[in-house]
Amino acid sequence: MSKTVLITGGNRGLGLALVECFAAQEDWKVIATARRMDSLPSVADEKLELDLASHESFNPKDQKQTPGYFDSTFYCKDFSAANVNESMMINALHPMEMTGRLMPILTKDATVLAISSWLGSISSKKVPGHYGYAGSKALMNMCIKGLSLEFANDKETTRTAVTINPGWMKTDMGGSNAHITPEQVAERILKMVEDGFIQSANGMFINTDRTEHLW
């Protein structure tokens, strides 16, 4: 196996679809995480117990992860400081902290790919509410943009940081009326990684049809 992918939230929704999609490829080693290891699919090459709500949950010192795909299915319906704070931690702050801890063991051409949401776009926001979820995804977008600039200024590596809007998916959160399945999104993401499109999209917020999304 020549490439390794770390997928958080790999037990459900898009995270599970990504695990299954990458595991079906012969040249990918899949490391999947979830709050409970026994909830992860058997196709993952390695399983890690990881709670993104916990600051102490992740320790990469014995791991050999390279690319990172960060996703969370947390959804905050009501505005409260506690709910918004938890959403920020799960969807943005702890994933970015985990990325920082992984930095010493990332390959020089690694990709950090964050699964965001159209709800995290300030320019196109037309739906009221969703304070915790939308705010946390907007914060993740800003963090990944900042990371992409760091990567661009590092002349010794060709690392990239990209944010993806997966669209309205048929998940527990998206419901049955959504436009696309997690499996279809996972296939599109895999293809973008395999054909090099992601590596040329450093600092972009993109849709799975490869068009740019408004920030």
N, C-alpha and C. Protein backbone atom coordinates (compact mmCIF):
# COMPACT_ATOMS: atom_id res chain seq x y z
N MET A 1 0.84 -1.19 0.00
CA MET A 1 0.00 0.00 0.00
C MET A 1 0.88 1.25 0.00
N SER A 2 0.68 2.14 -0.96
CA SER A 2 1.57 3.29 -1.10
C SER A 2 1.01 4.55 -0.47
N LYS A 3 -0.28 4.60 -0.19
CA LYS A 3 -0.89 5.81 0.34
C LYS A 3 -1.75 5.48 1.56
N THR A 4 -1.84 6.46 2.46
CA THR A 4 -2.62 6.26 3.68
C THR A 4 -3.61 7.40 3.83
N VAL A 5 -4.83 7.07 4.23
CA VAL A 5 -5.85 8.09 4.48
C VAL A 5 -6.40 7.90 5.88
N LEU A 6 -6.51 9.01 6.61
CA LEU A 6 -7.14 9.02 7.93
C LEU A 6 -8.52 9.64 7.80
N ILE A 7 -9.54 8.90 8.16
CA ILE A 7 -10.93 9.38 8.03
C ILE A 7 -11.58 9.39 9.40
N THR A 8 -11.93 10.57 9.89
CA THR A 8 -12.62 10.65 11.17
C THR A 8 -14.12 10.53 10.96
N GLY A 9 -14.83 10.09 11.99
CA GLY A 9 -16.27 9.87 11.86
C GLY A 9 -16.57 8.79 10.85
N GLY A 10 -15.75 7.73 10.86
CA GLY A 10 -15.85 6.70 9.83
C GLY A 10 -16.90 5.63 10.07
N ASN A 11 -17.82 5.87 10.98
CA ASN A 11 -18.83 4.85 11.30
C ASN A 11 -20.22 5.16 10.76
N ARG A 12 -20.40 6.31 10.10
CA ARG A 12 -21.73 6.65 9.62
C ARG A 12 -21.64 7.71 8.54
N GLY A 13 -22.74 7.86 7.79
CA GLY A 13 -22.85 8.92 6.80
C GLY A 13 -21.70 8.96 5.80
N LEU A 14 -21.24 10.15 5.48
CA LEU A 14 -20.18 10.32 4.50
C LEU A 14 -18.88 9.70 5.00
N GLY A 15 -18.61 9.78 6.30
CA GLY A 15 -17.39 9.17 6.83
C GLY A 15 -17.33 7.69 6.53
N LEU A 16 -18.44 6.97 6.76
CA LEU A 16 -18.51 5.55 6.47
C LEU A 16 -18.36 5.29 4.98
N ALA A 17 -19.03 6.11 4.16
CA ALA A 17 -18.93 5.94 2.71
C ALA A 17 -17.50 6.14 2.23
N LEU A 18 -16.79 7.11 2.81
CA LEU A 18 -15.40 7.34 2.43
C LEU A 18 -14.52 6.15 2.83
N VAL A 19 -14.74 5.61 4.02
CA VAL A 19 -13.98 4.43 4.45
C VAL A 19 -14.17 3.29 3.45
N GLU A 20 -15.41 3.00 3.11
CA GLU A 20 -15.69 1.89 2.20
C GLU A 20 -15.15 2.15 0.80
N CYS A 21 -15.24 3.40 0.36
CA CYS A 21 -14.77 3.76 -0.99
C CYS A 21 -13.26 3.63 -1.11
N PHE A 22 -12.53 4.19 -0.15
CA PHE A 22 -11.07 4.12 -0.20
C PHE A 22 -10.57 2.70 0.06
N ALA A 23 -11.27 1.96 0.94
CA ALA A 23 -10.85 0.59 1.25
C ALA A 23 -10.98 -0.33 0.04
N ALA A 24 -11.85 0.02 -0.89
CA ALA A 24 -12.04 -0.79 -2.09
C ALA A 24 -10.90 -0.63 -3.09
N GLN A 25 -10.04 0.38 -2.86
CA GLN A 25 -8.90 0.61 -3.75
C GLN A 25 -7.67 -0.12 -3.20
N GLU A 26 -6.94 -0.80 -4.05
CA GLU A 26 -5.82 -1.62 -3.60
C GLU A 26 -4.65 -0.80 -3.05
N ASP A 27 -4.50 0.45 -3.51
CA ASP A 27 -3.31 1.22 -3.13
C ASP A 27 -3.55 2.21 -1.99
N TRP A 28 -4.64 2.03 -1.24
CA TRP A 28 -4.91 2.90 -0.10
C TRP A 28 -4.99 2.10 1.19
N LYS A 29 -4.29 2.58 2.21
CA LYS A 29 -4.45 2.05 3.57
C LYS A 29 -5.40 2.98 4.30
N VAL A 30 -6.46 2.45 4.88
CA VAL A 30 -7.50 3.26 5.50
C VAL A 30 -7.42 3.15 7.02
N ILE A 31 -7.24 4.30 7.67
CA ILE A 31 -7.30 4.39 9.13
C ILE A 31 -8.59 5.14 9.47
N ALA A 32 -9.50 4.47 10.15
CA ALA A 32 -10.81 5.05 10.44
C ALA A 32 -10.96 5.29 11.94
N THR A 33 -11.66 6.37 12.29
CA THR A 33 -11.88 6.68 13.70
C THR A 33 -13.36 6.89 13.98
N ALA A 34 -13.72 6.66 15.22
CA ALA A 34 -15.07 6.92 15.72
C ALA A 34 -15.00 6.99 17.24
N ARG A 35 -16.06 7.45 17.85
CA ARG A 35 -16.09 7.51 19.31
C ARG A 35 -16.00 6.12 19.93
N ARG A 36 -16.58 5.13 19.22
CA ARG A 36 -16.51 3.74 19.68
C ARG A 36 -15.91 2.89 18.58
N MET A 37 -14.82 2.20 18.89
CA MET A 37 -14.14 1.41 17.89
C MET A 37 -15.01 0.30 17.33
N ASP A 38 -15.90 -0.26 18.16
CA ASP A 38 -16.72 -1.37 17.68
C ASP A 38 -17.79 -0.94 16.70
N SER A 39 -17.95 0.37 16.49
CA SER A 39 -18.93 0.86 15.52
C SER A 39 -18.33 1.04 14.13
N LEU A 40 -17.02 0.84 14.00
CA LEU A 40 -16.34 1.05 12.72
C LEU A 40 -16.46 -0.18 11.83
N PRO A 41 -16.49 0.01 10.50
CA PRO A 41 -16.62 -1.12 9.58
C PRO A 41 -15.36 -1.97 9.54
N SER A 42 -15.53 -3.25 9.26
CA SER A 42 -14.40 -4.18 9.26
C SER A 42 -13.43 -3.93 8.11
N VAL A 43 -13.86 -3.20 7.08
CA VAL A 43 -12.99 -2.98 5.92
C VAL A 43 -11.84 -2.03 6.22
N ALA A 44 -11.92 -1.28 7.31
CA ALA A 44 -10.82 -0.37 7.67
C ALA A 44 -9.58 -1.18 8.04
N ASP A 45 -8.42 -0.73 7.54
CA ASP A 45 -7.17 -1.43 7.86
C ASP A 45 -6.78 -1.23 9.31
N GLU A 46 -7.03 -0.03 9.83
CA GLU A 46 -6.77 0.25 11.24
C GLU A 46 -7.94 1.04 11.80
N LYS A 47 -8.24 0.81 13.08
CA LYS A 47 -9.35 1.50 13.74
C LYS A 47 -8.82 2.21 14.98
N LEU A 48 -9.26 3.46 15.15
CA LEU A 48 -8.85 4.24 16.31
C LEU A 48 -10.08 4.79 17.01
N GLU A 49 -10.05 4.80 18.33
CA GLU A 49 -11.12 5.42 19.10
C GLU A 49 -10.80 6.90 19.25
N LEU A 50 -11.67 7.75 18.74
CA LEU A 50 -11.42 9.19 18.74
C LEU A 50 -12.71 9.94 18.95
N ASP A 51 -12.75 10.77 19.98
CA ASP A 51 -13.89 11.62 20.27
C ASP A 51 -13.45 13.06 20.05
N LEU A 52 -13.94 13.69 18.99
CA LEU A 52 -13.52 15.05 18.66
C LEU A 52 -14.00 16.07 19.67
N ALA A 53 -14.89 15.66 20.58
CA ALA A 53 -15.30 16.56 21.65
C ALA A 53 -14.31 16.55 22.81
N SER A 54 -13.36 15.62 22.76
CA SER A 54 -12.40 15.47 23.84
C SER A 54 -11.02 15.95 23.42
N HIS A 55 -10.48 16.89 24.16
CA HIS A 55 -9.16 17.45 23.87
C HIS A 55 -8.07 16.39 23.95
N GLU A 56 -8.23 15.43 24.84
CA GLU A 56 -7.18 14.44 25.09
C GLU A 56 -7.37 13.15 24.30
N SER A 57 -8.35 13.12 23.41
CA SER A 57 -8.71 11.86 22.77
C SER A 57 -7.70 11.39 21.75
N PHE A 58 -6.99 12.31 21.12
CA PHE A 58 -6.13 11.91 19.99
C PHE A 58 -4.66 12.08 20.31
N ASN A 59 -3.90 11.03 20.11
CA ASN A 59 -2.45 11.08 20.27
C ASN A 59 -1.81 10.34 19.10
N PRO A 60 -1.19 11.07 18.17
CA PRO A 60 -0.69 10.45 16.95
C PRO A 60 0.70 9.87 17.04
N LYS A 61 1.32 9.86 18.22
CA LYS A 61 2.74 9.56 18.28
C LYS A 61 3.10 8.17 17.76
N ASP A 62 2.17 7.22 17.86
CA ASP A 62 2.47 5.88 17.40
C ASP A 62 1.83 5.57 16.05
N GLN A 63 1.23 6.58 15.43
CA GLN A 63 0.54 6.37 14.16
C GLN A 63 1.39 6.87 13.01
N LYS A 64 1.04 6.40 11.79
CA LYS A 64 1.77 6.79 10.59
C LYS A 64 0.79 7.31 9.54
N GLN A 65 -0.10 8.21 9.95
CA GLN A 65 -1.08 8.74 9.02
C GLN A 65 -0.43 9.74 8.08
N THR A 66 -0.98 9.85 6.86
CA THR A 66 -0.52 10.89 5.94
C THR A 66 -1.66 11.84 5.60
N PRO A 67 -2.49 11.60 4.54
CA PRO A 67 -3.55 12.57 4.31
C PRO A 67 -4.58 12.54 5.42
N GLY A 68 -5.31 13.64 5.61
CA GLY A 68 -6.34 13.68 6.63
C GLY A 68 -7.66 14.14 6.06
N TYR A 69 -8.72 13.39 6.29
CA TYR A 69 -10.05 13.77 5.84
C TYR A 69 -10.91 13.94 7.08
N PHE A 70 -11.34 15.18 7.35
CA PHE A 70 -12.01 15.46 8.60
C PHE A 70 -13.49 15.73 8.38
N ASP A 71 -14.30 14.98 9.09
CA ASP A 71 -15.74 15.12 8.93
C ASP A 71 -16.41 14.91 10.28
N SER A 72 -17.55 15.55 10.47
CA SER A 72 -18.33 15.33 11.69
C SER A 72 -19.80 15.48 11.35
N THR A 73 -20.65 14.70 12.00
CA THR A 73 -22.08 14.76 11.70
C THR A 73 -22.86 15.43 12.83
N PHE A 74 -22.19 16.14 13.71
CA PHE A 74 -22.87 16.84 14.81
C PHE A 74 -23.80 17.92 14.26
N TYR A 75 -24.98 18.02 14.83
CA TYR A 75 -25.95 19.01 14.37
C TYR A 75 -26.57 19.72 15.56
N CYS A 76 -26.50 21.06 15.54
CA CYS A 76 -27.00 21.86 16.66
C CYS A 76 -28.28 22.57 16.24
N LYS A 77 -29.39 22.22 16.85
CA LYS A 77 -30.67 22.80 16.46
C LYS A 77 -30.97 24.11 17.17
N ASP A 78 -30.54 24.23 18.41
CA ASP A 78 -30.91 25.40 19.21
C ASP A 78 -29.69 26.21 19.56
N PHE A 79 -29.88 27.53 19.68
CA PHE A 79 -28.77 28.39 20.05
C PHE A 79 -28.60 28.39 21.56
N SER A 80 -27.46 27.94 22.00
CA SER A 80 -27.06 28.08 23.40
C SER A 80 -25.55 28.05 23.39
N ALA A 81 -24.95 28.73 24.36
CA ALA A 81 -23.49 28.79 24.40
C ALA A 81 -22.88 27.40 24.47
N ALA A 82 -23.51 26.51 25.24
CA ALA A 82 -22.96 25.16 25.39
C ALA A 82 -23.01 24.40 24.07
N ASN A 83 -24.16 24.47 23.37
CA ASN A 83 -24.29 23.76 22.11
C ASN A 83 -23.37 24.32 21.04
N VAL A 84 -23.31 25.65 20.95
CA VAL A 84 -22.44 26.27 19.95
C VAL A 84 -20.98 25.94 20.24
N ASN A 85 -20.60 25.99 21.50
CA ASN A 85 -19.22 25.69 21.87
C ASN A 85 -18.86 24.25 21.51
N GLU A 86 -19.77 23.31 21.79
CA GLU A 86 -19.49 21.91 21.47
C GLU A 86 -19.37 21.71 19.96
N SER A 87 -20.24 22.38 19.21
CA SER A 87 -20.19 22.27 17.76
C SER A 87 -18.88 22.83 17.21
N MET A 88 -18.44 23.97 17.75
CA MET A 88 -17.17 24.55 17.33
C MET A 88 -16.01 23.59 17.60
N MET A 89 -16.04 22.97 18.77
CA MET A 89 -14.97 22.04 19.13
C MET A 89 -14.94 20.84 18.18
N ILE A 90 -16.11 20.24 17.95
CA ILE A 90 -16.18 19.01 17.16
C ILE A 90 -15.91 19.26 15.68
N ASN A 91 -16.47 20.33 15.13
CA ASN A 91 -16.39 20.56 13.69
C ASN A 91 -15.20 21.40 13.24
N ALA A 92 -14.52 22.08 14.17
CA ALA A 92 -13.44 22.97 13.73
C ALA A 92 -12.20 22.91 14.62
N LEU A 93 -12.34 23.26 15.88
CA LEU A 93 -11.16 23.47 16.72
C LEU A 93 -10.37 22.18 16.97
N HIS A 94 -11.05 21.13 17.37
CA HIS A 94 -10.32 19.88 17.62
C HIS A 94 -9.80 19.22 16.35
N PRO A 95 -10.55 19.25 15.22
CA PRO A 95 -9.96 18.75 13.98
C PRO A 95 -8.70 19.52 13.57
N MET A 96 -8.70 20.84 13.78
CA MET A 96 -7.51 21.62 13.43
C MET A 96 -6.36 21.31 14.39
N GLU A 97 -6.68 21.12 15.66
CA GLU A 97 -5.64 20.75 16.62
C GLU A 97 -5.05 19.38 16.26
N MET A 98 -5.91 18.46 15.85
CA MET A 98 -5.44 17.15 15.44
C MET A 98 -4.54 17.26 14.21
N THR A 99 -4.90 18.15 13.28
CA THR A 99 -4.07 18.37 12.10
C THR A 99 -2.69 18.87 12.51
N GLY A 100 -2.66 19.78 13.47
CA GLY A 100 -1.38 20.29 13.96
C GLY A 100 -0.52 19.20 14.56
N ARG A 101 -1.15 18.29 15.30
CA ARG A 101 -0.39 17.19 15.92
C ARG A 101 0.11 16.20 14.87
N LEU A 102 -0.61 16.09 13.77
CA LEU A 102 -0.21 15.19 12.69
C LEU A 102 0.90 15.77 11.82
N MET A 103 1.08 17.09 11.86
CA MET A 103 1.99 17.75 10.93
C MET A 103 3.38 17.12 10.86
N PRO A 104 3.99 16.74 11.99
CA PRO A 104 5.35 16.17 11.90
C PRO A 104 5.43 14.86 11.14
N ILE A 105 4.31 14.14 11.00
CA ILE A 105 4.37 12.86 10.31
C ILE A 105 3.62 12.86 8.98
N LEU A 106 3.20 14.03 8.52
CA LEU A 106 2.59 14.12 7.19
C LEU A 106 3.68 14.03 6.13
N THR A 107 3.36 13.39 5.01
CA THR A 107 4.29 13.38 3.89
C THR A 107 4.39 14.78 3.30
N LYS A 108 5.42 15.01 2.51
CA LYS A 108 5.65 16.35 1.95
C LYS A 108 4.62 16.73 0.90
N ASP A 109 3.86 15.75 0.40
CA ASP A 109 2.82 16.06 -0.59
C ASP A 109 1.43 15.70 -0.05
N ALA A 110 1.28 15.70 1.26
CA ALA A 110 0.01 15.30 1.88
C ALA A 110 -1.11 16.29 1.59
N THR A 111 -2.33 15.80 1.66
CA THR A 111 -3.51 16.63 1.49
C THR A 111 -4.35 16.61 2.77
N VAL A 112 -4.72 17.80 3.24
CA VAL A 112 -5.68 17.93 4.33
C VAL A 112 -6.99 18.36 3.69
N LEU A 113 -7.98 17.49 3.75
CA LEU A 113 -9.25 17.76 3.08
C LEU A 113 -10.35 17.81 4.14
N ALA A 114 -10.96 18.97 4.29
CA ALA A 114 -12.00 19.16 5.31
C ALA A 114 -13.38 19.10 4.66
N ILE A 115 -14.25 18.28 5.23
CA ILE A 115 -15.63 18.22 4.76
C ILE A 115 -16.40 19.34 5.45
N SER A 116 -16.79 20.34 4.69
CA SER A 116 -17.51 21.48 5.23
C SER A 116 -18.99 21.34 4.90
N SER A 117 -19.64 22.43 4.59
CA SER A 117 -21.07 22.42 4.27
C SER A 117 -21.44 23.75 3.63
N TRP A 118 -22.46 23.71 2.79
CA TRP A 118 -22.97 24.96 2.21
C TRP A 118 -23.50 25.87 3.31
N LEU A 119 -23.89 25.28 4.45
CA LEU A 119 -24.36 26.09 5.56
C LEU A 119 -23.24 26.92 6.18
N GLY A 120 -22.00 26.56 5.90
CA GLY A 120 -20.87 27.33 6.41
C GLY A 120 -20.46 28.49 5.52
N SER A 121 -21.17 28.68 4.42
CA SER A 121 -20.88 29.78 3.51
C SER A 121 -21.62 31.04 3.95
N ILE A 122 -20.88 32.09 4.26
CA ILE A 122 -21.50 33.36 4.67
C ILE A 122 -22.16 34.03 3.47
N SER A 123 -21.48 33.99 2.32
CA SER A 123 -21.99 34.67 1.12
C SER A 123 -23.32 34.12 0.64
N SER A 124 -23.54 32.82 0.80
CA SER A 124 -24.76 32.22 0.26
C SER A 124 -25.76 31.81 1.32
N LYS A 125 -25.57 32.27 2.56
CA LYS A 125 -26.49 31.86 3.64
C LYS A 125 -27.85 32.52 3.46
N LYS A 126 -28.89 31.70 3.34
CA LYS A 126 -30.24 32.20 3.20
C LYS A 126 -31.21 31.48 4.15
N VAL A 127 -30.68 30.58 4.95
CA VAL A 127 -31.50 29.80 5.88
C VAL A 127 -31.24 30.29 7.30
N PRO A 128 -32.30 30.63 8.05
CA PRO A 128 -32.08 31.11 9.42
C PRO A 128 -31.65 29.99 10.36
N GLY A 129 -31.11 30.38 11.50
CA GLY A 129 -30.75 29.39 12.51
C GLY A 129 -29.48 28.62 12.19
N HIS A 130 -29.43 27.38 12.65
CA HIS A 130 -28.25 26.51 12.49
C HIS A 130 -27.00 27.18 13.05
N TYR A 131 -27.14 27.89 14.15
CA TYR A 131 -26.05 28.72 14.65
C TYR A 131 -24.78 27.92 14.94
N GLY A 132 -24.93 26.84 15.69
CA GLY A 132 -23.76 26.07 16.05
C GLY A 132 -23.12 25.39 14.85
N TYR A 133 -23.93 24.67 14.07
CA TYR A 133 -23.40 23.92 12.94
C TYR A 133 -22.84 24.84 11.87
N ALA A 134 -23.63 25.83 11.44
CA ALA A 134 -23.19 26.74 10.38
C ALA A 134 -21.96 27.54 10.82
N GLY A 135 -22.00 28.03 12.06
CA GLY A 135 -20.86 28.80 12.55
C GLY A 135 -19.60 27.98 12.63
N SER A 136 -19.73 26.71 13.04
CA SER A 136 -18.55 25.86 13.15
C SER A 136 -17.97 25.52 11.79
N LYS A 137 -18.82 25.35 10.79
CA LYS A 137 -18.32 25.07 9.45
C LYS A 137 -17.67 26.32 8.83
N ALA A 138 -18.22 27.50 9.13
CA ALA A 138 -17.58 28.74 8.67
C ALA A 138 -16.20 28.89 9.30
N LEU A 139 -16.09 28.55 10.58
CA LEU A 139 -14.80 28.60 11.25
C LEU A 139 -13.83 27.60 10.63
N MET A 140 -14.30 26.40 10.34
CA MET A 140 -13.45 25.41 9.69
C MET A 140 -12.96 25.92 8.34
N ASN A 141 -13.86 26.56 7.58
CA ASN A 141 -13.45 27.12 6.29
C ASN A 141 -12.30 28.11 6.45
N MET A 142 -12.41 29.00 7.43
CA MET A 142 -11.37 29.99 7.67
C MET A 142 -10.06 29.32 8.10
N CYS A 143 -10.16 28.33 8.96
CA CYS A 143 -8.95 27.63 9.42
C CYS A 143 -8.24 26.93 8.27
N ILE A 144 -9.00 26.26 7.41
CA ILE A 144 -8.39 25.56 6.28
C ILE A 144 -7.79 26.55 5.29
N LYS A 145 -8.46 27.69 5.09
CA LYS A 145 -7.90 28.73 4.22
C LYS A 145 -6.56 29.21 4.77
N GLY A 146 -6.50 29.45 6.08
CA GLY A 146 -5.25 29.87 6.69
C GLY A 146 -4.17 28.82 6.55
N LEU A 147 -4.54 27.55 6.75
CA LEU A 147 -3.58 26.46 6.61
C LEU A 147 -3.06 26.36 5.18
N SER A 148 -3.93 26.58 4.21
CA SER A 148 -3.52 26.52 2.81
C SER A 148 -2.47 27.58 2.49
N LEU A 149 -2.59 28.75 3.12
CA LEU A 149 -1.60 29.81 2.90
C LEU A 149 -0.26 29.44 3.53
N GLU A 150 -0.31 28.78 4.69
CA GLU A 150 0.93 28.28 5.29
C GLU A 150 1.60 27.28 4.36
N PHE A 151 0.81 26.38 3.81
CA PHE A 151 1.36 25.38 2.89
C PHE A 151 1.94 26.05 1.65
N ALA A 152 1.25 27.06 1.12
CA ALA A 152 1.72 27.74 -0.09
C ALA A 152 3.05 28.44 0.15
N ASN A 153 3.27 28.92 1.36
CA ASN A 153 4.51 29.63 1.69
C ASN A 153 5.66 28.69 2.05
N ASP A 154 5.36 27.41 2.21
CA ASP A 154 6.39 26.43 2.55
C ASP A 154 6.99 25.88 1.26
N LYS A 155 8.17 26.32 0.92
CA LYS A 155 8.80 25.95 -0.35
C LYS A 155 9.40 24.54 -0.33
N GLU A 156 9.43 23.92 0.84
CA GLU A 156 10.03 22.59 0.95
C GLU A 156 9.00 21.46 0.78
N THR A 157 7.72 21.83 0.72
CA THR A 157 6.67 20.81 0.56
C THR A 157 5.67 21.25 -0.51
N THR A 158 4.85 20.30 -0.92
CA THR A 158 3.75 20.60 -1.86
C THR A 158 2.41 20.19 -1.23
N ARG A 159 2.30 20.39 0.07
CA ARG A 159 1.07 20.04 0.77
C ARG A 159 -0.08 20.95 0.35
N THR A 160 -1.29 20.43 0.44
CA THR A 160 -2.47 21.21 0.09
C THR A 160 -3.53 21.07 1.18
N ALA A 161 -4.33 22.12 1.32
CA ALA A 161 -5.46 22.12 2.25
C ALA A 161 -6.69 22.60 1.48
N VAL A 162 -7.72 21.80 1.46
CA VAL A 162 -8.90 22.06 0.64
C VAL A 162 -10.16 21.82 1.46
N THR A 163 -11.17 22.64 1.22
CA THR A 163 -12.47 22.48 1.87
C THR A 163 -13.50 22.04 0.83
N ILE A 164 -14.29 21.02 1.17
CA ILE A 164 -15.28 20.50 0.23
C ILE A 164 -16.69 20.65 0.79
N ASN A 165 -17.59 21.12 -0.07
CA ASN A 165 -19.02 21.11 0.24
C ASN A 165 -19.60 19.84 -0.37
N PRO A 166 -20.00 18.87 0.44
CA PRO A 166 -20.50 17.61 -0.12
C PRO A 166 -21.90 17.72 -0.72
N GLY A 167 -22.60 18.82 -0.41
CA GLY A 167 -23.97 18.97 -0.90
C GLY A 167 -24.97 18.40 0.08
N TRP A 168 -26.23 18.42 -0.33
CA TRP A 168 -27.32 17.93 0.51
C TRP A 168 -27.39 16.41 0.38
N MET A 169 -26.94 15.71 1.40
CA MET A 169 -26.81 14.26 1.33
C MET A 169 -27.94 13.52 2.04
N LYS A 170 -28.20 12.32 1.58
CA LYS A 170 -29.21 11.46 2.20
C LYS A 170 -28.61 10.75 3.41
N THR A 171 -28.54 11.49 4.51
CA THR A 171 -28.03 10.97 5.77
C THR A 171 -29.09 11.18 6.85
N ASP A 172 -28.76 10.81 8.08
CA ASP A 172 -29.69 11.07 9.19
C ASP A 172 -29.99 12.56 9.30
N MET A 173 -28.97 13.37 9.05
CA MET A 173 -29.15 14.82 9.13
C MET A 173 -29.85 15.37 7.90
N GLY A 174 -29.48 14.90 6.71
CA GLY A 174 -30.01 15.44 5.47
C GLY A 174 -31.41 14.97 5.13
N GLY A 175 -31.78 13.78 5.57
CA GLY A 175 -33.11 13.26 5.28
C GLY A 175 -33.19 12.57 3.93
N SER A 176 -34.33 11.95 3.67
CA SER A 176 -34.51 11.15 2.45
C SER A 176 -34.77 11.99 1.20
N ASN A 177 -35.09 13.28 1.37
CA ASN A 177 -35.36 14.13 0.21
C ASN A 177 -34.10 14.77 -0.36
N ALA A 178 -32.96 14.47 0.22
CA ALA A 178 -31.70 15.08 -0.23
C ALA A 178 -31.36 14.63 -1.65
N HIS A 179 -30.39 15.33 -2.24
CA HIS A 179 -30.09 15.16 -3.66
C HIS A 179 -29.10 14.05 -3.98
N ILE A 180 -28.27 13.65 -3.02
CA ILE A 180 -27.16 12.76 -3.35
C ILE A 180 -26.85 11.85 -2.16
N THR A 181 -26.35 10.68 -2.44
CA THR A 181 -26.02 9.74 -1.37
C THR A 181 -24.58 9.93 -0.92
N PRO A 182 -24.26 9.53 0.31
CA PRO A 182 -22.87 9.60 0.76
C PRO A 182 -21.93 8.79 -0.13
N GLU A 183 -22.42 7.66 -0.65
CA GLU A 183 -21.59 6.82 -1.51
C GLU A 183 -21.21 7.55 -2.79
N GLN A 184 -22.15 8.30 -3.36
CA GLN A 184 -21.86 9.07 -4.57
C GLN A 184 -20.84 10.18 -4.29
N VAL A 185 -20.99 10.83 -3.14
CA VAL A 185 -20.04 11.88 -2.75
C VAL A 185 -18.66 11.29 -2.54
N ALA A 186 -18.59 10.15 -1.86
CA ALA A 186 -17.30 9.50 -1.61
C ALA A 186 -16.60 9.15 -2.91
N GLU A 187 -17.34 8.63 -3.89
CA GLU A 187 -16.75 8.28 -5.18
C GLU A 187 -16.18 9.52 -5.87
N ARG A 188 -16.91 10.64 -5.79
CA ARG A 188 -16.43 11.87 -6.41
C ARG A 188 -15.16 12.38 -5.74
N ILE A 189 -15.12 12.31 -4.40
CA ILE A 189 -13.94 12.76 -3.67
C ILE A 189 -12.74 11.88 -4.01
N LEU A 190 -12.95 10.57 -4.03
CA LEU A 190 -11.86 9.65 -4.37
C LEU A 190 -11.30 9.98 -5.76
N LYS A 191 -12.19 10.21 -6.72
CA LYS A 191 -11.73 10.51 -8.08
C LYS A 191 -10.94 11.80 -8.12
N MET A 192 -11.38 12.82 -7.35
CA MET A 192 -10.65 14.09 -7.33
C MET A 192 -9.26 13.93 -6.72
N VAL A 193 -9.15 13.03 -5.74
CA VAL A 193 -7.84 12.76 -5.14
C VAL A 193 -6.97 11.98 -6.10
N GLU A 194 -7.54 10.96 -6.72
CA GLU A 194 -6.77 10.07 -7.59
C GLU A 194 -6.27 10.75 -8.85
N ASP A 195 -7.08 11.65 -9.44
CA ASP A 195 -6.65 12.28 -10.70
C ASP A 195 -5.88 13.58 -10.49
N GLY A 196 -5.61 13.94 -9.23
CA GLY A 196 -4.77 15.10 -8.95
C GLY A 196 -5.48 16.43 -8.85
N PHE A 197 -6.81 16.43 -9.02
CA PHE A 197 -7.52 17.71 -8.96
C PHE A 197 -7.38 18.36 -7.59
N ILE A 198 -7.53 17.58 -6.52
CA ILE A 198 -7.43 18.12 -5.16
C ILE A 198 -6.07 18.77 -4.94
N GLN A 199 -5.02 18.15 -5.46
CA GLN A 199 -3.68 18.69 -5.26
C GLN A 199 -3.47 20.03 -5.95
N SER A 200 -4.32 20.34 -6.93
CA SER A 200 -4.22 21.62 -7.63
C SER A 200 -5.20 22.65 -7.09
N ALA A 201 -5.92 22.31 -6.02
CA ALA A 201 -6.99 23.17 -5.51
C ALA A 201 -6.67 23.74 -4.14
N ASN A 202 -5.40 23.91 -3.82
CA ASN A 202 -5.02 24.41 -2.50
C ASN A 202 -5.72 25.73 -2.18
N GLY A 203 -6.35 25.79 -1.01
CA GLY A 203 -7.00 27.03 -0.57
C GLY A 203 -8.38 27.26 -1.13
N MET A 204 -8.94 26.29 -1.83
CA MET A 204 -10.25 26.47 -2.44
C MET A 204 -11.35 25.82 -1.62
N PHE A 205 -12.56 26.36 -1.75
CA PHE A 205 -13.79 25.78 -1.20
C PHE A 205 -14.55 25.26 -2.40
N ILE A 206 -14.62 23.94 -2.57
CA ILE A 206 -15.14 23.39 -3.81
C ILE A 206 -16.34 22.48 -3.57
N ASN A 207 -17.15 22.36 -4.62
CA ASN A 207 -18.25 21.41 -4.63
C ASN A 207 -17.75 20.09 -5.23
N THR A 208 -18.52 19.03 -5.08
CA THR A 208 -18.06 17.75 -5.59
C THR A 208 -18.12 17.66 -7.12
N ASP A 209 -18.75 18.65 -7.78
CA ASP A 209 -18.70 18.70 -9.25
C ASP A 209 -17.52 19.54 -9.73
N ARG A 210 -16.63 19.91 -8.78
CA ARG A 210 -15.36 20.60 -9.05
C ARG A 210 -15.52 22.10 -9.29
N THR A 211 -16.70 22.63 -9.11
CA THR A 211 -16.88 24.08 -9.20
C THR A 211 -16.54 24.70 -7.84
N GLU A 212 -16.19 25.99 -7.86
CA GLU A 212 -15.89 26.68 -6.61
C GLU A 212 -17.18 27.09 -5.91
N HIS A 213 -17.18 26.97 -4.60
CA HIS A 213 -18.32 27.40 -3.78
C HIS A 213 -18.01 28.77 -3.19
N LEU A 214 -19.04 29.59 -3.03
CA LEU A 214 -18.86 30.90 -2.40
C LEU A 214 -18.45 30.74 -0.95
N TRP A 215 -17.52 31.58 -0.50
CA TRP A 215 -17.14 31.56 0.91
C TRP A 215 -18.22 32.23 1.76
